[in-house]
Amino acid sequence: MDIYRSGFKAPIVELYIDYKIAVTVGECITVETRYINCEAAKIMFDYTLYNEAGDTVLTASTTQVFLDENNCLSLVNPPFYLDWKARWNVN
């Protein structure tokens, strides 16, 4: 909602999933998310999901871009995102 309140949207434009092993309904899964620092005006994450035994069930990645209130692609990082990166020391 911080993105939206700042006048932007951040749709996922790329999603990659590599399924390793099946899981069953009701199985407890742990999701590990890693932010990937990038100078370009986009947000990137890598994910690893583990089952209760600690086995990797899938790996994934997403890329999001910034669209302004007119749905135009932002080619520079919005100020709120630069502030977030500075706050978390990921410049």
Protein backbone atom coordinates (compact mmCIF):
# COMPACT_ATOMS: atom_id res chain seq x y z
CA MET A 1 0.00 0.00 0.00
CA ASP A 2 2.99 2.33 0.48
CA ILE A 3 3.64 2.10 -3.25
CA TYR A 4 0.02 2.89 -4.09
CA ARG A 5 -0.15 5.77 -1.59
CA SER A 6 2.96 7.20 -3.27
CA GLY A 7 1.08 7.40 -6.58
CA PHE A 8 2.59 4.30 -8.16
CA LYS A 9 1.75 0.70 -8.93
CA ALA A 10 4.29 -2.12 -9.08
CA PRO A 11 2.94 -4.95 -11.25
CA ILE A 12 4.83 -8.21 -11.58
CA VAL A 13 6.16 -8.29 -15.13
CA GLU A 14 8.29 -11.41 -14.84
CA LEU A 15 7.77 -14.57 -12.81
CA TYR A 16 9.97 -17.64 -12.88
CA ILE A 17 9.16 -20.83 -10.94
CA ASP A 18 11.20 -24.02 -10.80
CA TYR A 19 9.18 -26.79 -9.12
CA LYS A 20 11.38 -29.36 -7.38
CA ILE A 21 9.06 -31.70 -5.45
CA ALA A 22 5.33 -31.89 -4.79
CA VAL A 23 3.62 -30.75 -1.62
CA THR A 24 0.29 -31.93 -0.26
CA VAL A 25 -2.71 -30.01 1.02
CA GLY A 26 -2.18 -29.09 4.65
CA GLU A 27 1.61 -29.46 4.53
CA CYS A 28 3.52 -26.71 6.35
CA ILE A 29 5.76 -24.73 3.97
CA THR A 30 8.43 -22.17 4.87
CA VAL A 31 8.98 -19.31 2.41
CA GLU A 32 12.38 -17.60 2.30
CA THR A 33 12.39 -14.29 0.42
CA ARG A 34 15.52 -12.43 -0.65
CA TYR A 35 15.54 -8.87 -1.98
CA ILE A 36 17.87 -8.44 -4.98
CA ASN A 37 19.40 -4.97 -5.07
CA CYS A 38 19.35 -3.41 -8.53
CA GLU A 39 20.12 0.09 -9.80
CA ALA A 40 17.34 -0.04 -12.41
CA ALA A 41 13.81 1.16 -11.61
CA LYS A 42 12.46 -2.24 -10.62
CA ILE A 43 12.01 -4.49 -7.62
CA MET A 44 13.43 -8.01 -7.72
CA PHE A 45 13.00 -10.91 -5.29
CA ASP A 46 14.20 -14.51 -5.15
CA TYR A 47 12.22 -17.12 -3.23
CA THR A 48 12.91 -20.59 -1.89
CA LEU A 49 10.14 -22.71 -0.40
CA TYR A 50 10.94 -25.58 1.98
CA ASN A 51 8.80 -28.43 3.29
CA GLU A 52 8.73 -29.58 6.92
CA ALA A 53 11.70 -31.91 6.27
CA GLY A 54 13.77 -28.94 5.03
CA ASP A 55 13.71 -30.06 1.40
CA THR A 56 13.49 -27.36 -1.28
CA VAL A 57 10.10 -27.67 -2.96
CA LEU A 58 10.56 -24.77 -5.37
CA THR A 59 12.66 -21.77 -6.24
CA ALA A 60 11.24 -18.67 -7.85
CA SER A 61 11.93 -15.07 -8.75
CA THR A 62 9.82 -12.02 -9.53
CA THR A 63 10.48 -8.67 -11.16
CA GLN A 64 8.20 -5.69 -10.64
CA VAL A 65 8.33 -2.31 -12.38
CA PHE A 66 6.93 1.07 -11.39
CA LEU A 67 3.93 2.59 -13.15
CA ASP A 68 2.82 6.12 -12.32
CA GLU A 69 -0.80 7.20 -11.84
CA ASN A 70 -1.19 7.39 -15.66
CA ASN A 71 0.11 3.82 -16.02
CA CYS A 72 3.32 5.10 -17.61
CA LEU A 73 6.50 3.16 -16.96
CA SER A 74 8.91 4.95 -14.63
CA LEU A 75 12.46 4.78 -15.95
CA VAL A 76 13.92 6.20 -12.73
CA ASN A 77 13.48 4.99 -9.18
CA PRO A 78 10.66 6.88 -7.42
CA PRO A 79 11.68 8.94 -4.37
CA PHE A 80 9.78 6.69 -1.92
CA TYR A 81 11.72 3.67 -3.21
CA LEU A 82 15.07 5.44 -2.90
CA ASP A 83 14.10 6.36 0.68
CA TRP A 84 13.21 2.71 1.40
CA LYS A 85 16.54 1.53 -0.02
CA ALA A 86 18.43 4.08 2.08
CA ARG A 87 16.51 3.11 5.22
CA TRP A 88 17.44 -0.55 4.72
CA ASN A 89 20.98 0.30 3.53
CA VAL A 90 20.61 -1.39 0.12
CA ASN A 91 21.91 1.44 -2.06
